[in-house]
């Protein structure tokens, strides 16, 4: 009769030890843990160099609104400016100018470009983006936000930017 009671005590003790050891075991690192650690250790403000052009300086180079189109500036920060292109209240595209001085690899992507828009090297980025590089520094990009806004529409809107004026920016 004492054996069943001892076996219950032994089973309870064994289960407690098993739970204690598995609960105190550290988790194996996940696939994103290293990236998270690296990104949190970076210094703030490293993404944009001090010499990057202020975003507000880009606004005058954007195409003007008109012909039923509305241009709404949505973001300006050092090295970047962005506007939304709307028609009848619908977002058709995103218009952007980016100073590549902070990320030289972006400008290098145009070195093998075989197409041009308004005399500047151009490239398609995926199925929804068209961009040119102005003065080996400024990337002008149009991103479709509506399926009706095609690659030819994006190229036409890039040509509406004051690219030659942007080329003179220092």
Foldseek 3Di string as FASTA:
>chain_A
DVVVVVVVVVVVVVVVVVVVVVVPDDDDDDPCVVVVVVVVPDDPPLQDDPPAAWQVVQVVQAFDDDPQKDWAWDDTGGQKTKIFIDGPRDTFKIKMKGWCPSPLVVLVVQVPAPDDQPPFGWDADPFFKIWGQALSTMIIMMGGPDPVCGPVNRSVSVNSGNRVVVNPDD
